[in-house]
Amino acid sequence: MNIRRVVPDIPSKRFEESRAFYMDFLAMKLAMDMDFILTFVSQSNPTAQVSIVRDEGASASVPNMAPHGRGRGCRRNACACHRTRH
């Protein structure tokens, strides 16, 4: 098995503060913004990524996402994976 990257999904009740932290403090680039999930990418190493998922409590439903990566379920309009190498 060859694992190229693992992207953690971190729940956040403070979504906009999380956005500011990753973009302003860590200087990561926003690669995907789907209103309920943000994915940030390192500018120096695009395989270093983290996703922040909006946490609105136990009653909130998170859409079922397809496997991600290189045409295998990747949503071209929503992410930058088609612009980066996996």
Foldseek 3Di string as FASTA:
>chain_A
DDDDADEEEAEDQPVVVVVCCCCPVVVWDFFFDPPQKTKTARPVHRRDIYMYGYDPDPVDDDDDAFDDDDPRRHDVVGGCRVVDDD
